[in-house]
Amino acid sequence: MQTNLSNQKAKYNLPDFLVGDVVVLTDPASSNELHEIEAFQPAEYYWLVGGGIVHRKDIRTATVAELNAKRRLTSAEQALAEVS
């Protein structure tokens, strides 16, 4: 029987983001700045370049439109960017 390795769970707690990934905070009231991942910490926390530590649930990968704008976009701006 063949095993499809892509469907297998990882043995170790691998990070969701890699060093150098650009992310934004999921809470729109927090900040509209882009942040870069500096390091992964145990228990699903990440150090950001310039200081600060966040839980993986509090960040998401920046979209292409946000990278071009060099800031976090509002949900309305993001919707416009997706259709243009």
PDB file of N, CA and C in Angstrom:
ATOM      1  N   MET A   1       0.839  -1.189   0.000  1.00  0.00           N
ATOM      2  CA  MET A   1       0.000   0.000   0.000  1.00  0.00           C
ATOM      3  C   MET A   1       0.877   1.242   0.000  1.00  0.00           C
ATOM      4  N   GLN A   2       0.572   2.194  -0.862  1.00  0.00           N
ATOM      5  CA  GLN A   2       1.333   3.434  -0.927  1.00  0.00           C
ATOM      6  C   GLN A   2       0.782   4.446   0.062  1.00  0.00           C
ATOM      7  N   THR A   3       1.681   5.254   0.609  1.00  0.00           N
ATOM      8  CA  THR A   3       1.282   6.306   1.543  1.00  0.00           C
ATOM      9  C   THR A   3       1.512   7.645   0.888  1.00  0.00           C
ATOM     10  N   ASN A   4       0.479   8.479   0.874  1.00  0.00           N
ATOM     11  CA  ASN A   4       0.605   9.818   0.328  1.00  0.00           C
ATOM     12  C   ASN A   4       1.147  10.728   1.424  1.00  0.00           C
ATOM     13  N   LEU A   5       2.413  11.121   1.307  1.00  0.00           N
ATOM     14  CA  LEU A   5       3.057  11.904   2.361  1.00  0.00           C
ATOM     15  C   LEU A   5       2.446  13.283   2.532  1.00  0.00           C
ATOM     16  N   SER A   6       1.835  13.837   1.485  1.00  0.00           N
ATOM     17  CA  SER A   6       1.243  15.169   1.600  1.00  0.00           C
ATOM     18  C   SER A   6       0.029  15.175   2.529  1.00  0.00           C
ATOM     19  N   ASN A   7      -0.548  14.009   2.770  1.00  0.00           N
ATOM     20  CA  ASN A   7      -1.706  13.919   3.655  1.00  0.00           C
ATOM     21  C   ASN A   7      -1.342  13.554   5.088  1.00  0.00           C
ATOM     22  N   GLN A   8      -0.060  13.356   5.342  1.00  0.00           N
ATOM     23  CA  GLN A   8       0.386  12.954   6.672  1.00  0.00           C
ATOM     24  C   GLN A   8       0.566  14.161   7.578  1.00  0.00           C
ATOM     25  N   LYS A   9       0.239  14.011   8.861  1.00  0.00           N
ATOM     26  CA  LYS A   9       0.457  15.077   9.842  1.00  0.00           C
ATOM     27  C   LYS A   9       1.946  15.137  10.174  1.00  0.00           C
ATOM     28  N   ALA A  10       2.433  16.357  10.405  1.00  0.00           N
ATOM     29  CA  ALA A  10       3.834  16.529  10.778  1.00  0.00           C
ATOM     30  C   ALA A  10       4.043  16.025  12.197  1.00  0.00           C
ATOM     31  N   LYS A  11       5.218  15.468  12.450  1.00  0.00           N
ATOM     32  CA  LYS A  11       5.538  14.976  13.784  1.00  0.00           C
ATOM     33  C   LYS A  11       5.794  16.111  14.756  1.00  0.00           C
ATOM     34  N   TYR A  12       6.300  17.206  14.248  1.00  0.00           N
ATOM     35  CA  TYR A  12       6.722  18.299  15.104  1.00  0.00           C
ATOM     36  C   TYR A  12       5.824  19.517  14.898  1.00  0.00           C
ATOM     37  N   ASN A  13       5.824  20.406  15.865  1.00  0.00           N
ATOM     38  CA  ASN A  13       5.025  21.619  15.780  1.00  0.00           C
ATOM     39  C   ASN A  13       5.719  22.606  14.841  1.00  0.00           C
ATOM     40  N   LEU A  14       5.388  22.545  13.561  1.00  0.00           N
ATOM     41  CA  LEU A  14       6.019  23.415  12.576  1.00  0.00           C
ATOM     42  C   LEU A  14       5.330  24.767  12.566  1.00  0.00           C
ATOM     43  N   PRO A  15       6.074  25.836  12.360  1.00  0.00           N
ATOM     44  CA  PRO A  15       5.474  27.175  12.369  1.00  0.00           C
ATOM     45  C   PRO A  15       4.599  27.420  11.143  1.00  0.00           C
ATOM     46  N   ASP A  16       3.583  28.278  11.324  1.00  0.00           N
ATOM     47  CA  ASP A  16       2.713  28.675  10.219  1.00  0.00           C
ATOM     48  C   ASP A  16       3.393  29.699   9.326  1.00  0.00           C
ATOM     49  N   PHE A  17       4.291  30.487   9.904  1.00  0.00           N
ATOM     50  CA  PHE A  17       4.998  31.546   9.186  1.00  0.00           C
ATOM     51  C   PHE A  17       6.493  31.287   9.276  1.00  0.00           C
ATOM     52  N   LEU A  18       7.207  31.746   8.269  1.00  0.00           N
ATOM     53  CA  LEU A  18       8.660  31.595   8.248  1.00  0.00           C
ATOM     54  C   LEU A  18       9.323  32.930   8.521  1.00  0.00           C
ATOM     55  N   VAL A  19      10.570  32.869   8.969  1.00  0.00           N
ATOM     56  CA  VAL A  19      11.346  34.086   9.180  1.00  0.00           C
ATOM     57  C   VAL A  19      11.380  34.865   7.872  1.00  0.00           C
ATOM     58  N   GLY A  20      11.059  36.160   7.946  1.00  0.00           N
ATOM     59  CA  GLY A  20      11.037  37.001   6.761  1.00  0.00           C
ATOM     60  C   GLY A  20       9.658  37.189   6.168  1.00  0.00           C
ATOM     61  N   ASP A  21       8.690  36.371   6.565  1.00  0.00           N
ATOM     62  CA  ASP A  21       7.319  36.560   6.078  1.00  0.00           C
ATOM     63  C   ASP A  21       6.785  37.914   6.540  1.00  0.00           C
ATOM     64  N   VAL A  22       6.002  38.556   5.682  1.00  0.00           N
ATOM     65  CA  VAL A  22       5.388  39.839   6.028  1.00  0.00           C
ATOM     66  C   VAL A  22       3.945  39.551   6.432  1.00  0.00           C
ATOM     67  N   VAL A  23       3.567  40.061   7.607  1.00  0.00           N
ATOM     68  CA  VAL A  23       2.245  39.792   8.169  1.00  0.00           C
ATOM     69  C   VAL A  23       1.594  41.089   8.620  1.00  0.00           C
ATOM     70  N   VAL A  24       0.294  41.008   8.882  1.00  0.00           N
ATOM     71  CA  VAL A  24      -0.449  42.113   9.484  1.00  0.00           C
ATOM     72  C   VAL A  24      -1.194  41.560  10.687  1.00  0.00           C
ATOM     73  N   LEU A  25      -1.492  42.432  11.625  1.00  0.00           N
ATOM     74  CA  LEU A  25      -2.280  42.037  12.787  1.00  0.00           C
ATOM     75  C   LEU A  25      -3.732  41.862  12.359  1.00  0.00           C
ATOM     76  N   THR A  26      -4.402  40.863  12.886  1.00  0.00           N
ATOM     77  CA  THR A  26      -5.784  40.599  12.479  1.00  0.00           C
ATOM     78  C   THR A  26      -6.769  41.590  13.076  1.00  0.00           C
ATOM     79  N   ASP A  27      -6.423  42.217  14.188  1.00  0.00           N
ATOM     80  CA  ASP A  27      -7.300  43.214  14.806  1.00  0.00           C
ATOM     81  C   ASP A  27      -7.099  44.551  14.106  1.00  0.00           C
ATOM     82  N   PRO A  28      -8.106  45.049  13.365  1.00  0.00           N
ATOM     83  CA  PRO A  28      -7.935  46.296  12.620  1.00  0.00           C
ATOM     84  C   PRO A  28      -7.671  47.512  13.500  1.00  0.00           C
ATOM     85  N   ALA A  29      -8.047  47.455  14.770  1.00  0.00           N
ATOM     86  CA  ALA A  29      -7.824  48.592  15.665  1.00  0.00           C
ATOM     87  C   ALA A  29      -6.384  48.632  16.182  1.00  0.00           C
ATOM     88  N   SER A  30      -5.644  47.550  16.017  1.00  0.00           N
ATOM     89  CA  SER A  30      -4.287  47.465  16.558  1.00  0.00           C
ATOM     90  C   SER A  30      -3.292  48.336  15.810  1.00  0.00           C
ATOM     91  N   SER A  31      -3.174  48.089  14.528  1.00  0.00           N
ATOM     92  CA  SER A  31      -2.163  48.773  13.728  1.00  0.00           C
ATOM     93  C   SER A  31      -2.447  48.508  12.261  1.00  0.00           C
ATOM     94  N   ASN A  32      -2.087  49.469  11.415  1.00  0.00           N
ATOM     95  CA  ASN A  32      -2.226  49.226   9.979  1.00  0.00           C
ATOM     96  C   ASN A  32      -0.863  49.008   9.334  1.00  0.00           C
ATOM     97  N   GLU A  33       0.148  48.788  10.152  1.00  0.00           N
ATOM     98  CA  GLU A  33       1.508  48.589   9.654  1.00  0.00           C
ATOM     99  C   GLU A  33       1.738  47.136   9.249  1.00  0.00           C
ATOM    100  N   LEU A  34       2.670  46.951   8.331  1.00  0.00           N
ATOM    101  CA  LEU A  34       3.136  45.620   7.978  1.00  0.00           C
ATOM    102  C   LEU A  34       4.245  45.246   8.945  1.00  0.00           C
ATOM    103  N   HIS A  35       4.330  43.971   9.294  1.00  0.00           N
ATOM    104  CA  HIS A  35       5.354  43.490  10.216  1.00  0.00           C
ATOM    105  C   HIS A  35       6.063  42.304   9.587  1.00  0.00           C
ATOM    106  N   GLU A  36       7.331  42.142   9.932  1.00  0.00           N
ATOM    107  CA  GLU A  36       8.111  41.026   9.422  1.00  0.00           C
ATOM    108  C   GLU A  36       8.401  40.053  10.559  1.00  0.00           C
ATOM    109  N   ILE A  37       8.282  38.761  10.269  1.00  0.00           N
ATOM    110  CA  ILE A  37       8.571  37.730  11.259  1.00  0.00           C
ATOM    111  C   ILE A  37      10.083  37.637  11.449  1.00  0.00           C
ATOM    112  N   GLU A  38      10.521  37.726  12.704  1.00  0.00           N
ATOM    113  CA  GLU A  38      11.949  37.600  13.018  1.00  0.00           C
ATOM    114  C   GLU A  38      12.289  36.191  13.487  1.00  0.00           C
ATOM    115  N   ALA A  39      11.407  35.587  14.291  1.00  0.00           N
ATOM    116  CA  ALA A  39      11.685  34.255  14.807  1.00  0.00           C
ATOM    117  C   ALA A  39      10.409  33.600  15.311  1.00  0.00           C
ATOM    118  N   PHE A  40      10.421  32.266  15.287  1.00  0.00           N
ATOM    119  CA  PHE A  40       9.326  31.476  15.848  1.00  0.00           C
ATOM    120  C   PHE A  40       9.668  31.132  17.284  1.00  0.00           C
ATOM    121  N   GLN A  41       8.697  31.248  18.164  1.00  0.00           N
ATOM    122  CA  GLN A  41       8.879  30.915  19.571  1.00  0.00           C
ATOM    123  C   GLN A  41       7.997  29.717  19.905  1.00  0.00           C
ATOM    124  N   PRO A  42       8.336  28.985  20.937  1.00  0.00           N
ATOM    125  CA  PRO A  42       7.478  27.854  21.331  1.00  0.00           C
ATOM    126  C   PRO A  42       6.056  28.322  21.652  1.00  0.00           C
ATOM    127  N   ALA A  43       5.135  27.410  21.610  1.00  0.00           N
ATOM    128  CA  ALA A  43       3.726  27.647  21.928  1.00  0.00           C
ATOM    129  C   ALA A  43       3.065  28.619  20.956  1.00  0.00           C
ATOM    130  N   GLU A  44       3.470  28.560  19.682  1.00  0.00           N
ATOM    131  CA  GLU A  44       2.823  29.286  18.591  1.00  0.00           C
ATOM    132  C   GLU A  44       2.936  30.803  18.681  1.00  0.00           C
ATOM    133  N   TYR A  45       4.026  31.301  19.190  1.00  0.00           N
ATOM    134  CA  TYR A  45       4.273  32.741  19.250  1.00  0.00           C
ATOM    135  C   TYR A  45       5.375  33.115  18.267  1.00  0.00           C
ATOM    136  N   TYR A  46       5.329  34.363  17.807  1.00  0.00           N
ATOM    137  CA  TYR A  46       6.314  34.866  16.847  1.00  0.00           C
ATOM    138  C   TYR A  46       6.880  36.185  17.322  1.00  0.00           C
ATOM    139  N   TRP A  47       8.207  36.338  17.167  1.00  0.00           N
ATOM    140  CA  TRP A  47       8.853  37.635  17.378  1.00  0.00           C
ATOM    141  C   TRP A  47       8.746  38.409  16.081  1.00  0.00           C
ATOM    142  N   LEU A  48       8.431  39.691  16.179  1.00  0.00           N
ATOM    143  CA  LEU A  48       8.382  40.559  15.007  1.00  0.00           C
ATOM    144  C   LEU A  48       9.636  41.409  14.952  1.00  0.00           C
ATOM    145  N   VAL A  49      10.093  41.746  13.757  1.00  0.00           N
ATOM    146  CA  VAL A  49      11.249  42.631  13.600  1.00  0.00           C
ATOM    147  C   VAL A  49      10.907  43.965  14.251  1.00  0.00           C
ATOM    148  N   GLY A  50      11.804  44.486  15.037  1.00  0.00           N
ATOM    149  CA  GLY A  50      11.568  45.747  15.727  1.00  0.00           C
ATOM    150  C   GLY A  50      10.951  45.559  17.106  1.00  0.00           C
ATOM    151  N   GLY A  51      10.778  44.330  17.514  1.00  0.00           N
ATOM    152  CA  GLY A  51      10.235  44.063  18.843  1.00  0.00           C
ATOM    153  C   GLY A  51       8.787  43.646  18.798  1.00  0.00           C
ATOM    154  N   GLY A  52       8.348  43.045  19.839  1.00  0.00           N
ATOM    155  CA  GLY A  52       6.971  42.601  19.951  1.00  0.00           C
ATOM    156  C   GLY A  52       6.848  41.116  19.700  1.00  0.00           C
ATOM    157  N   ILE A  53       5.960  40.517  20.439  1.00  0.00           N
ATOM    158  CA  ILE A  53       5.680  39.093  20.284  1.00  0.00           C
ATOM    159  C   ILE A  53       4.172  38.936  20.128  1.00  0.00           C
ATOM    160  N   VAL A  54       3.761  38.087  19.184  1.00  0.00           N
ATOM    161  CA  VAL A  54       2.342  37.890  18.914  1.00  0.00           C
ATOM    162  C   VAL A  54       2.039  36.406  18.777  1.00  0.00           C
ATOM    163  N   HIS A  55       0.804  36.051  19.088  1.00  0.00           N
ATOM    164  CA  HIS A  55       0.335  34.676  18.901  1.00  0.00           C
ATOM    165  C   HIS A  55      -0.054  34.492  17.441  1.00  0.00           C
ATOM    166  N   ARG A  56       0.058  33.293  16.944  1.00  0.00           N
ATOM    167  CA  ARG A  56      -0.229  33.028  15.522  1.00  0.00           C
ATOM    168  C   ARG A  56      -1.660  33.374  15.139  1.00  0.00           C
ATOM    169  N   LYS A  57      -2.594  33.312  16.083  1.00  0.00           N
ATOM    170  CA  LYS A  57      -3.994  33.640  15.791  1.00  0.00           C
ATOM    171  C   LYS A  57      -4.210  35.142  15.615  1.00  0.00           C
ATOM    172  N   ASP A  58      -3.235  35.957  16.039  1.00  0.00           N
ATOM    173  CA  ASP A  58      -3.372  37.411  15.977  1.00  0.00           C
ATOM    174  C   ASP A  58      -2.731  38.031  14.741  1.00  0.00           C
ATOM    175  N   ILE A  59      -2.199  37.196  13.843  1.00  0.00           N
ATOM    176  CA  ILE A  59      -1.573  37.704  12.621  1.00  0.00           C
ATOM    177  C   ILE A  59      -2.037  36.869  11.429  1.00  0.00           C
ATOM    178  N   ARG A  60      -1.894  37.476  10.256  1.00  0.00           N
ATOM    179  CA  ARG A  60      -2.136  36.761   9.006  1.00  0.00           C
ATOM    180  C   ARG A  60      -1.142  37.268   7.976  1.00  0.00           C
ATOM    181  N   THR A  61      -0.936  36.503   6.936  1.00  0.00           N
ATOM    182  CA  THR A  61      -0.023  36.901   5.869  1.00  0.00           C
ATOM    183  C   THR A  61      -0.567  38.132   5.159  1.00  0.00           C
ATOM    184  N   ALA A  62       0.297  39.074   4.867  1.00  0.00           N
ATOM    185  CA  ALA A  62      -0.108  40.275   4.121  1.00  0.00           C
ATOM    186  C   ALA A  62      -0.439  39.879   2.685  1.00  0.00           C
ATOM    187  N   THR A  63      -1.470  40.504   2.136  1.00  0.00           N
ATOM    188  CA  THR A  63      -1.853  40.241   0.746  1.00  0.00           C
ATOM    189  C   THR A  63      -0.939  41.028  -0.199  1.00  0.00           C
ATOM    190  N   VAL A  64      -1.008  40.699  -1.463  1.00  0.00           N
ATOM    191  CA  VAL A  64      -0.218  41.411  -2.469  1.00  0.00           C
ATOM    192  C   VAL A  64      -0.594  42.890  -2.490  1.00  0.00           C
ATOM    193  N   ALA A  65      -1.895  43.178  -2.400  1.00  0.00           N
ATOM    194  CA  ALA A  65      -2.350  44.575  -2.395  1.00  0.00           C
ATOM    195  C   ALA A  65      -1.781  45.324  -1.190  1.00  0.00           C
ATOM    196  N   GLU A  66      -1.707  44.662  -0.042  1.00  0.00           N
ATOM    197  CA  GLU A  66      -1.139  45.300   1.153  1.00  0.00           C
ATOM    198  C   GLU A  66       0.362  45.514   1.007  1.00  0.00           C
ATOM    199  N   LEU A  67       1.044  44.570   0.391  1.00  0.00           N
ATOM    200  CA  LEU A  67       2.477  44.748   0.142  1.00  0.00           C
ATOM    201  C   LEU A  67       2.713  45.939  -0.783  1.00  0.00           C
ATOM    202  N   ASN A  68       1.872  46.072  -1.821  1.00  0.00           N
ATOM    203  CA  ASN A  68       2.009  47.201  -2.742  1.00  0.00           C
ATOM    204  C   ASN A  68       1.698  48.526  -2.056  1.00  0.00           C
ATOM    205  N   ALA A  69       0.701  48.530  -1.171  1.00  0.00           N
ATOM    206  CA  ALA A  69       0.306  49.753  -0.467  1.00  0.00           C
ATOM    207  C   ALA A  69       1.216  50.045   0.725  1.00  0.00           C
ATOM    208  N   LYS A  70       2.012  49.058   1.110  1.00  0.00           N
ATOM    209  CA  LYS A  70       2.931  49.175   2.255  1.00  0.00           C
ATOM    210  C   LYS A  70       2.198  49.466   3.567  1.00  0.00           C
ATOM    211  N   ARG A  71       0.964  48.915   3.672  1.00  0.00           N
ATOM    212  CA  ARG A  71       0.190  49.057   4.906  1.00  0.00           C
ATOM    213  C   ARG A  71      -0.953  48.050   4.888  1.00  0.00           C
ATOM    214  N   ARG A  72      -1.564  47.840   6.061  1.00  0.00           N
ATOM    215  CA  ARG A  72      -2.739  46.977   6.163  1.00  0.00           C
ATOM    216  C   ARG A  72      -3.920  47.702   5.530  1.00  0.00           C
ATOM    217  N   LEU A  73      -4.689  47.005   4.709  1.00  0.00           N
ATOM    218  CA  LEU A  73      -5.851  47.604   4.071  1.00  0.00           C
ATOM    219  C   LEU A  73      -7.109  47.322   4.893  1.00  0.00           C
ATOM    220  N   THR A  74      -8.064  48.235   4.818  1.00  0.00           N
ATOM    221  CA  THR A  74      -9.361  48.003   5.448  1.00  0.00           C
ATOM    222  C   THR A  74     -10.070  46.915   4.645  1.00  0.00           C
ATOM    223  N   SER A  75     -11.130  46.365   5.201  1.00  0.00           N
ATOM    224  CA  SER A  75     -11.861  45.318   4.488  1.00  0.00           C
ATOM    225  C   SER A  75     -12.455  45.850   3.186  1.00  0.00           C
ATOM    226  N   ALA A  76     -12.889  47.106   3.173  1.00  0.00           N
ATOM    227  CA  ALA A  76     -13.429  47.714   1.943  1.00  0.00           C
ATOM    228  C   ALA A  76     -12.337  47.869   0.899  1.00  0.00           C
ATOM    229  N   GLU A  77     -11.173  48.353   1.311  1.00  0.00           N
ATOM    230  CA  GLU A  77     -10.052  48.499   0.375  1.00  0.00           C
ATOM    231  C   GLU A  77      -9.594  47.133  -0.150  1.00  0.00           C
ATOM    232  N   GLN A  78      -9.607  46.134   0.729  1.00  0.00           N
ATOM    233  CA  GLN A  78      -9.206  44.797   0.326  1.00  0.00           C
ATOM    234  C   GLN A  78     -10.173  44.231  -0.709  1.00  0.00           C
ATOM    235  N   ALA A  79     -11.466  44.470  -0.509  1.00  0.00           N
ATOM    236  CA  ALA A  79     -12.479  44.009  -1.465  1.00  0.00           C
ATOM    237  C   ALA A  79     -12.274  44.659  -2.830  1.00  0.00           C
ATOM    238  N   LEU A  80     -11.999  45.954  -2.844  1.00  0.00           N
ATOM    239  CA  LEU A  80     -11.717  46.653  -4.100  1.00  0.00           C
ATOM    240  C   LEU A  80     -10.477  46.117  -4.776  1.00  0.00           C
ATOM    241  N   ALA A  81      -9.450  45.837  -3.990  1.00  0.00           N
ATOM    242  CA  ALA A  81      -8.190  45.315  -4.558  1.00  0.00           C
ATOM    243  C   ALA A  81      -8.384  43.942  -5.184  1.00  0.00           C
ATOM    244  N   GLU A  82      -9.283  43.153  -4.637  1.00  0.00           N
ATOM    245  CA  GLU A  82      -9.509  41.790  -5.148  1.00  0.00           C
ATOM    246  C   GLU A  82     -10.216  41.805  -6.498  1.00  0.00           C
ATOM    247  N   VAL A  83     -11.042  42.799  -6.763  1.00  0.00           N
ATOM    248  CA  VAL A  83     -11.787  42.826  -8.023  1.00  0.00           C
ATOM    249  C   VAL A  83     -11.104  43.638  -9.107  1.00  0.00           C
ATOM    250  N   SER A  84     -10.045  44.357  -8.765  1.00  0.00           N
ATOM    251  CA  SER A  84      -9.387  45.161  -9.798  1.00  0.00           C
ATOM    252  C   SER A  84      -8.157  44.483 -10.334  1.00  0.00           C
TER     253      SER A  84
END
